[in-house]
Amino acid sequence: MAGWGTFEFGEWVGLKDSLKAMKLEFAHFEEECIREIAGRLLAKVIARTPVDTGELRHGWTIGQIARTANGYEVEIINPVEHAMYVEYGHRTRDHTGWVNGRFMLTYSIQEMERELPDIIERKLQQFIDRHMG
């Protein structure tokens, strides 16, 4: 019978343990990513919000973050009464003209959608590096 040599399983056991730890911590990692993305979006929308009295700019908050069948849903809320009118535009008081919207939330969402792949890739690489060394 021929000798095939020896094989050390220590690295495989270490890999298994690392993968198990990653699996256990992945839900926390997802939430951490979503909160960071929501925070970045909030910062963008606040910076784009025009300032008259500051009330509109100070009204922005992050609402509920919920997991859905398709991923996560994040509420960005501004309860200030005229927020929707500034976002989308409105008729003038005398109804003879139109004030264009500023689209501060709309443009911020579009910008975040472009940046999202790079942000997620970087965060995921950090997560893997933390567990796999």
N, C-alpha and C. Protein backbone atom coordinates (compact mmCIF):
# COMPACT_ATOMS: atom_id res chain seq x y z
N MET A 1 0.84 -1.17 0.00
CA MET A 1 0.00 0.00 0.00
C MET A 1 0.89 1.24 0.00
N ALA A 2 0.59 2.16 -0.89
CA ALA A 2 1.41 3.36 -1.04
C ALA A 2 1.06 4.38 0.03
N GLY A 3 2.05 5.15 0.49
CA GLY A 3 1.82 6.20 1.47
C GLY A 3 1.46 7.50 0.75
N TRP A 4 0.39 8.11 1.16
CA TRP A 4 -0.08 9.32 0.52
C TRP A 4 0.36 10.57 1.25
N GLY A 5 0.96 10.43 2.37
CA GLY A 5 1.42 11.59 3.10
C GLY A 5 0.44 11.98 4.20
N THR A 6 0.66 13.15 4.73
CA THR A 6 -0.19 13.63 5.82
C THR A 6 -0.89 14.91 5.39
N PHE A 7 -1.95 15.19 6.07
CA PHE A 7 -2.73 16.38 5.75
C PHE A 7 -3.14 17.04 7.06
N GLU A 8 -2.90 18.33 7.18
CA GLU A 8 -3.28 19.08 8.37
C GLU A 8 -4.64 19.73 8.13
N PHE A 9 -5.56 19.49 9.03
CA PHE A 9 -6.91 20.04 8.91
C PHE A 9 -7.10 21.33 9.72
N GLY A 10 -6.08 21.78 10.39
CA GLY A 10 -6.20 22.95 11.26
C GLY A 10 -6.70 24.18 10.54
N GLU A 11 -6.19 24.44 9.32
CA GLU A 11 -6.63 25.63 8.56
C GLU A 11 -8.07 25.50 8.12
N TRP A 12 -8.51 24.29 7.79
CA TRP A 12 -9.90 24.07 7.39
C TRP A 12 -10.84 24.31 8.56
N VAL A 13 -10.43 23.87 9.74
CA VAL A 13 -11.23 24.09 10.94
C VAL A 13 -11.31 25.60 11.22
N GLY A 14 -10.20 26.29 11.07
CA GLY A 14 -10.19 27.75 11.26
C GLY A 14 -11.11 28.45 10.26
N LEU A 15 -11.08 28.00 9.01
CA LEU A 15 -11.96 28.57 7.98
C LEU A 15 -13.41 28.32 8.34
N LYS A 16 -13.72 27.11 8.76
CA LYS A 16 -15.10 26.78 9.16
C LYS A 16 -15.56 27.68 10.30
N ASP A 17 -14.70 27.88 11.28
CA ASP A 17 -15.04 28.74 12.42
C ASP A 17 -15.25 30.19 11.98
N SER A 18 -14.40 30.66 11.07
CA SER A 18 -14.54 32.03 10.56
C SER A 18 -15.86 32.21 9.80
N LEU A 19 -16.19 31.24 8.98
CA LEU A 19 -17.44 31.31 8.21
C LEU A 19 -18.66 31.24 9.14
N LYS A 20 -18.57 30.44 10.18
CA LYS A 20 -19.66 30.35 11.15
C LYS A 20 -19.84 31.69 11.85
N ALA A 21 -18.75 32.34 12.23
CA ALA A 21 -18.82 33.64 12.89
C ALA A 21 -19.40 34.69 11.95
N MET A 22 -19.00 34.63 10.68
CA MET A 22 -19.54 35.58 9.70
C MET A 22 -21.05 35.42 9.57
N LYS A 23 -21.49 34.18 9.52
CA LYS A 23 -22.92 33.91 9.39
C LYS A 23 -23.69 34.48 10.58
N LEU A 24 -23.15 34.29 11.77
CA LEU A 24 -23.82 34.78 12.98
C LEU A 24 -23.87 36.31 13.03
N GLU A 25 -22.85 36.97 12.51
CA GLU A 25 -22.76 38.43 12.60
C GLU A 25 -23.31 39.16 11.36
N PHE A 26 -23.74 38.41 10.35
CA PHE A 26 -24.14 39.06 9.10
C PHE A 26 -25.37 39.95 9.26
N ALA A 27 -26.34 39.54 10.06
CA ALA A 27 -27.54 40.37 10.26
C ALA A 27 -27.16 41.72 10.88
N HIS A 28 -26.25 41.69 11.85
CA HIS A 28 -25.76 42.93 12.46
C HIS A 28 -25.02 43.78 11.42
N PHE A 29 -24.23 43.13 10.58
CA PHE A 29 -23.51 43.83 9.51
C PHE A 29 -24.49 44.51 8.56
N GLU A 30 -25.56 43.82 8.17
CA GLU A 30 -26.57 44.41 7.29
C GLU A 30 -27.18 45.66 7.92
N GLU A 31 -27.57 45.56 9.18
CA GLU A 31 -28.17 46.70 9.87
C GLU A 31 -27.20 47.87 9.96
N GLU A 32 -25.94 47.55 10.23
CA GLU A 32 -24.91 48.59 10.30
C GLU A 32 -24.78 49.31 8.96
N CYS A 33 -24.79 48.55 7.87
CA CYS A 33 -24.70 49.14 6.53
C CYS A 33 -25.91 50.02 6.23
N ILE A 34 -27.10 49.51 6.53
CA ILE A 34 -28.33 50.27 6.26
C ILE A 34 -28.34 51.57 7.05
N ARG A 35 -27.93 51.52 8.31
CA ARG A 35 -27.91 52.75 9.12
C ARG A 35 -26.89 53.75 8.58
N GLU A 36 -25.74 53.26 8.13
CA GLU A 36 -24.75 54.16 7.55
C GLU A 36 -25.27 54.80 6.27
N ILE A 37 -25.89 54.00 5.42
CA ILE A 37 -26.43 54.52 4.16
C ILE A 37 -27.54 55.54 4.45
N ALA A 38 -28.41 55.23 5.41
CA ALA A 38 -29.48 56.17 5.77
C ALA A 38 -28.88 57.47 6.30
N GLY A 39 -27.84 57.37 7.10
CA GLY A 39 -27.18 58.56 7.63
C GLY A 39 -26.54 59.40 6.53
N ARG A 40 -25.93 58.73 5.56
CA ARG A 40 -25.34 59.46 4.43
C ARG A 40 -26.42 60.16 3.61
N LEU A 41 -27.54 59.46 3.39
CA LEU A 41 -28.65 60.05 2.64
C LEU A 41 -29.20 61.26 3.39
N LEU A 42 -29.36 61.13 4.69
CA LEU A 42 -29.85 62.24 5.50
C LEU A 42 -28.92 63.45 5.39
N ALA A 43 -27.62 63.21 5.46
CA ALA A 43 -26.66 64.32 5.35
C ALA A 43 -26.76 65.01 4.00
N LYS A 44 -26.95 64.22 2.94
CA LYS A 44 -27.07 64.81 1.60
C LYS A 44 -28.33 65.66 1.47
N VAL A 45 -29.46 65.14 1.96
CA VAL A 45 -30.71 65.88 1.82
C VAL A 45 -30.69 67.15 2.67
N ILE A 46 -30.10 67.08 3.84
CA ILE A 46 -30.00 68.28 4.68
C ILE A 46 -29.16 69.34 3.98
N ALA A 47 -28.05 68.93 3.39
CA ALA A 47 -27.18 69.89 2.70
C ALA A 47 -27.87 70.53 1.50
N ARG A 48 -28.77 69.80 0.84
CA ARG A 48 -29.47 70.33 -0.33
C ARG A 48 -30.69 71.17 0.03
N THR A 49 -31.14 71.10 1.24
CA THR A 49 -32.36 71.80 1.64
C THR A 49 -32.10 73.29 1.76
N PRO A 50 -32.91 74.10 1.05
CA PRO A 50 -32.72 75.55 1.14
C PRO A 50 -33.05 76.06 2.55
N VAL A 51 -32.40 77.14 2.92
CA VAL A 51 -32.57 77.69 4.26
C VAL A 51 -33.20 79.07 4.16
N ASP A 52 -34.32 79.21 4.84
CA ASP A 52 -34.92 80.52 5.03
C ASP A 52 -34.88 80.79 6.53
N THR A 53 -35.67 80.02 7.26
CA THR A 53 -35.64 80.14 8.72
C THR A 53 -34.82 79.00 9.35
N GLY A 54 -34.54 77.95 8.58
CA GLY A 54 -33.83 76.79 9.10
C GLY A 54 -34.77 75.68 9.56
N GLU A 55 -36.05 76.00 9.64
CA GLU A 55 -37.03 75.01 10.11
C GLU A 55 -37.08 73.78 9.19
N LEU A 56 -37.09 74.01 7.90
CA LEU A 56 -37.17 72.90 6.94
C LEU A 56 -35.93 72.02 7.03
N ARG A 57 -34.77 72.63 7.09
CA ARG A 57 -33.52 71.88 7.16
C ARG A 57 -33.44 71.07 8.45
N HIS A 58 -33.89 71.64 9.55
CA HIS A 58 -33.84 70.94 10.84
C HIS A 58 -34.93 69.89 10.99
N GLY A 59 -35.89 69.87 10.08
CA GLY A 59 -37.00 68.92 10.18
C GLY A 59 -36.67 67.50 9.73
N TRP A 60 -35.57 67.31 8.98
CA TRP A 60 -35.25 65.99 8.44
C TRP A 60 -34.82 65.03 9.52
N THR A 61 -35.38 63.81 9.47
CA THR A 61 -35.00 62.74 10.39
C THR A 61 -35.08 61.40 9.67
N ILE A 62 -34.45 60.42 10.27
CA ILE A 62 -34.58 59.05 9.79
C ILE A 62 -35.72 58.42 10.57
N GLY A 63 -36.67 57.88 9.86
CA GLY A 63 -37.82 57.24 10.50
C GLY A 63 -37.55 55.76 10.70
N GLN A 64 -38.55 54.99 10.44
CA GLN A 64 -38.48 53.55 10.66
C GLN A 64 -37.61 52.88 9.59
N ILE A 65 -36.83 51.91 10.01
CA ILE A 65 -36.05 51.07 9.10
C ILE A 65 -36.63 49.67 9.23
N ALA A 66 -37.14 49.13 8.11
CA ALA A 66 -37.82 47.83 8.16
C ALA A 66 -37.28 46.91 7.08
N ARG A 67 -37.15 45.65 7.43
CA ARG A 67 -36.77 44.63 6.45
C ARG A 67 -38.02 44.23 5.68
N THR A 68 -37.91 44.18 4.36
CA THR A 68 -39.02 43.77 3.50
C THR A 68 -38.62 42.55 2.70
N ALA A 69 -39.52 42.05 1.91
CA ALA A 69 -39.23 40.87 1.08
C ALA A 69 -38.12 41.17 0.07
N ASN A 70 -37.99 42.44 -0.33
CA ASN A 70 -37.00 42.82 -1.34
C ASN A 70 -35.75 43.47 -0.76
N GLY A 71 -35.63 43.51 0.54
CA GLY A 71 -34.46 44.15 1.16
C GLY A 71 -34.87 44.95 2.38
N TYR A 72 -34.52 46.22 2.38
CA TYR A 72 -34.85 47.11 3.49
C TYR A 72 -35.57 48.33 2.98
N GLU A 73 -36.39 48.90 3.85
CA GLU A 73 -37.10 50.13 3.55
C GLU A 73 -36.76 51.14 4.65
N VAL A 74 -36.29 52.31 4.23
CA VAL A 74 -35.89 53.35 5.17
C VAL A 74 -36.76 54.58 4.94
N GLU A 75 -37.32 55.11 6.02
CA GLU A 75 -38.11 56.33 5.92
C GLU A 75 -37.22 57.53 6.22
N ILE A 76 -37.24 58.49 5.32
CA ILE A 76 -36.61 59.79 5.55
C ILE A 76 -37.78 60.76 5.65
N ILE A 77 -37.91 61.38 6.80
CA ILE A 77 -39.11 62.14 7.13
C ILE A 77 -38.78 63.62 7.34
N ASN A 78 -39.69 64.46 6.85
CA ASN A 78 -39.65 65.87 7.20
C ASN A 78 -41.09 66.30 7.47
N PRO A 79 -41.46 66.46 8.75
CA PRO A 79 -42.84 66.78 9.09
C PRO A 79 -43.21 68.26 8.90
N VAL A 80 -42.27 69.06 8.46
CA VAL A 80 -42.57 70.49 8.26
C VAL A 80 -43.63 70.60 7.17
N GLU A 81 -44.64 71.41 7.43
CA GLU A 81 -45.82 71.48 6.57
C GLU A 81 -45.51 71.78 5.11
N HIS A 82 -44.56 72.63 4.84
CA HIS A 82 -44.29 73.02 3.46
C HIS A 82 -43.17 72.20 2.79
N ALA A 83 -42.71 71.14 3.43
CA ALA A 83 -41.61 70.34 2.87
C ALA A 83 -41.96 69.78 1.49
N MET A 84 -43.16 69.24 1.34
CA MET A 84 -43.57 68.65 0.07
C MET A 84 -43.61 69.71 -1.04
N TYR A 85 -44.02 70.92 -0.71
CA TYR A 85 -44.12 71.98 -1.71
C TYR A 85 -42.73 72.43 -2.17
N VAL A 86 -41.79 72.46 -1.24
CA VAL A 86 -40.42 72.83 -1.61
C VAL A 86 -39.79 71.70 -2.44
N GLU A 87 -40.08 70.47 -2.08
CA GLU A 87 -39.53 69.32 -2.81
C GLU A 87 -40.03 69.27 -4.25
N TYR A 88 -41.35 69.34 -4.43
CA TYR A 88 -41.94 69.08 -5.75
C TYR A 88 -42.40 70.33 -6.50
N GLY A 89 -42.45 71.46 -5.84
CA GLY A 89 -42.93 72.69 -6.49
C GLY A 89 -44.38 72.97 -6.12
N HIS A 90 -44.82 74.18 -6.44
CA HIS A 90 -46.20 74.58 -6.09
C HIS A 90 -46.60 75.81 -6.86
N ARG A 91 -47.91 76.03 -6.89
CA ARG A 91 -48.44 77.25 -7.49
C ARG A 91 -48.12 78.44 -6.59
N THR A 92 -48.04 79.60 -7.18
CA THR A 92 -47.85 80.81 -6.37
C THR A 92 -49.16 81.11 -5.65
N ARG A 93 -49.09 81.97 -4.67
CA ARG A 93 -50.28 82.27 -3.87
C ARG A 93 -51.42 82.85 -4.69
N ASP A 94 -51.07 83.62 -5.72
CA ASP A 94 -52.13 84.21 -6.55
C ASP A 94 -52.55 83.28 -7.69
N HIS A 95 -51.98 82.06 -7.71
CA HIS A 95 -52.31 81.02 -8.69
C HIS A 95 -52.02 81.40 -10.13
N THR A 96 -51.14 82.36 -10.35
CA THR A 96 -50.81 82.75 -11.72
C THR A 96 -49.49 82.16 -12.19
N GLY A 97 -48.73 81.60 -11.27
CA GLY A 97 -47.42 81.08 -11.66
C GLY A 97 -47.09 79.79 -10.93
N TRP A 98 -45.88 79.36 -11.14
CA TRP A 98 -45.42 78.10 -10.57
C TRP A 98 -44.02 78.30 -9.98
N VAL A 99 -43.80 77.79 -8.79
CA VAL A 99 -42.49 77.78 -8.17
C VAL A 99 -41.93 76.37 -8.33
N ASN A 100 -40.80 76.26 -9.02
CA ASN A 100 -40.22 74.94 -9.25
C ASN A 100 -39.75 74.29 -7.95
N GLY A 101 -39.85 72.98 -7.92
CA GLY A 101 -39.39 72.23 -6.77
C GLY A 101 -37.87 72.20 -6.71
N ARG A 102 -37.35 71.95 -5.51
CA ARG A 102 -35.89 71.87 -5.32
C ARG A 102 -35.40 70.43 -5.38
N PHE A 103 -36.29 69.46 -5.20
CA PHE A 103 -35.98 68.03 -5.31
C PHE A 103 -34.78 67.60 -4.47
N MET A 104 -34.70 68.15 -3.27
CA MET A 104 -33.55 67.84 -2.41
C MET A 104 -33.51 66.38 -2.01
N LEU A 105 -34.64 65.76 -1.74
CA LEU A 105 -34.66 64.34 -1.40
C LEU A 105 -34.51 63.49 -2.66
N THR A 106 -35.20 63.85 -3.71
CA THR A 106 -35.14 63.09 -4.96
C THR A 106 -33.71 63.02 -5.49
N TYR A 107 -33.03 64.16 -5.56
CA TYR A 107 -31.65 64.17 -6.06
C TYR A 107 -30.69 63.45 -5.12
N SER A 108 -30.93 63.54 -3.84
CA SER A 108 -30.08 62.86 -2.87
C SER A 108 -30.21 61.34 -3.00
N ILE A 109 -31.43 60.86 -3.22
CA ILE A 109 -31.65 59.43 -3.42
C ILE A 109 -30.95 58.97 -4.69
N GLN A 110 -31.06 59.74 -5.76
CA GLN A 110 -30.41 59.38 -7.02
C GLN A 110 -28.89 59.32 -6.86
N GLU A 111 -28.33 60.27 -6.13
CA GLU A 111 -26.88 60.29 -5.90
C GLU A 111 -26.47 59.07 -5.06
N MET A 112 -27.24 58.75 -4.03
CA MET A 112 -26.92 57.59 -3.20
C MET A 112 -26.99 56.29 -4.00
N GLU A 113 -27.95 56.19 -4.91
CA GLU A 113 -28.06 54.99 -5.74
C GLU A 113 -26.82 54.79 -6.60
N ARG A 114 -26.22 55.88 -7.05
CA ARG A 114 -24.98 55.78 -7.84
C ARG A 114 -23.80 55.37 -6.96
N GLU A 115 -23.77 55.87 -5.72
CA GLU A 115 -22.66 55.61 -4.81
C GLU A 115 -22.77 54.26 -4.10
N LEU A 116 -23.96 53.71 -4.04
CA LEU A 116 -24.23 52.51 -3.26
C LEU A 116 -23.33 51.32 -3.57
N PRO A 117 -23.11 50.96 -4.83
CA PRO A 117 -22.25 49.80 -5.08
C PRO A 117 -20.85 49.92 -4.46
N ASP A 118 -20.24 51.09 -4.57
CA ASP A 118 -18.90 51.28 -3.99
C ASP A 118 -18.93 51.23 -2.46
N ILE A 119 -19.95 51.82 -1.87
CA ILE A 119 -20.06 51.82 -0.41
C ILE A 119 -20.23 50.39 0.10
N ILE A 120 -21.13 49.65 -0.52
CA ILE A 120 -21.40 48.28 -0.08
C ILE A 120 -20.18 47.39 -0.32
N GLU A 121 -19.52 47.56 -1.45
CA GLU A 121 -18.32 46.75 -1.73
C GLU A 121 -17.24 47.01 -0.68
N ARG A 122 -17.03 48.27 -0.33
CA ARG A 122 -16.02 48.60 0.68
C ARG A 122 -16.38 48.03 2.04
N LYS A 123 -17.65 48.19 2.45
CA LYS A 123 -18.10 47.67 3.74
C LYS A 123 -18.01 46.14 3.77
N LEU A 124 -18.39 45.50 2.68
CA LEU A 124 -18.33 44.03 2.63
C LEU A 124 -16.89 43.54 2.69
N GLN A 125 -15.98 44.23 2.01
CA GLN A 125 -14.57 43.85 2.06
C GLN A 125 -14.02 43.99 3.47
N GLN A 126 -14.40 45.05 4.17
CA GLN A 126 -13.98 45.24 5.56
C GLN A 126 -14.52 44.12 6.44
N PHE A 127 -15.77 43.71 6.21
CA PHE A 127 -16.39 42.62 6.97
C PHE A 127 -15.63 41.32 6.73
N ILE A 128 -15.33 41.03 5.49
CA ILE A 128 -14.59 39.80 5.16
C ILE A 128 -13.21 39.84 5.76
N ASP A 129 -12.51 40.97 5.61
CA ASP A 129 -11.16 41.08 6.15
C ASP A 129 -11.14 40.92 7.67
N ARG A 130 -12.16 41.45 8.32
CA ARG A 130 -12.24 41.34 9.78
C ARG A 130 -12.37 39.88 10.22
N HIS A 131 -13.05 39.07 9.42
CA HIS A 131 -13.26 37.68 9.80
C HIS A 131 -12.24 36.71 9.21
N MET A 132 -11.71 37.03 8.07
CA MET A 132 -10.80 36.10 7.39
C MET A 132 -9.35 36.48 7.56
N GLY A 133 -9.12 37.70 8.03
CA GLY A 133 -7.75 38.16 8.27
C GLY A 133 -7.01 38.28 7.02
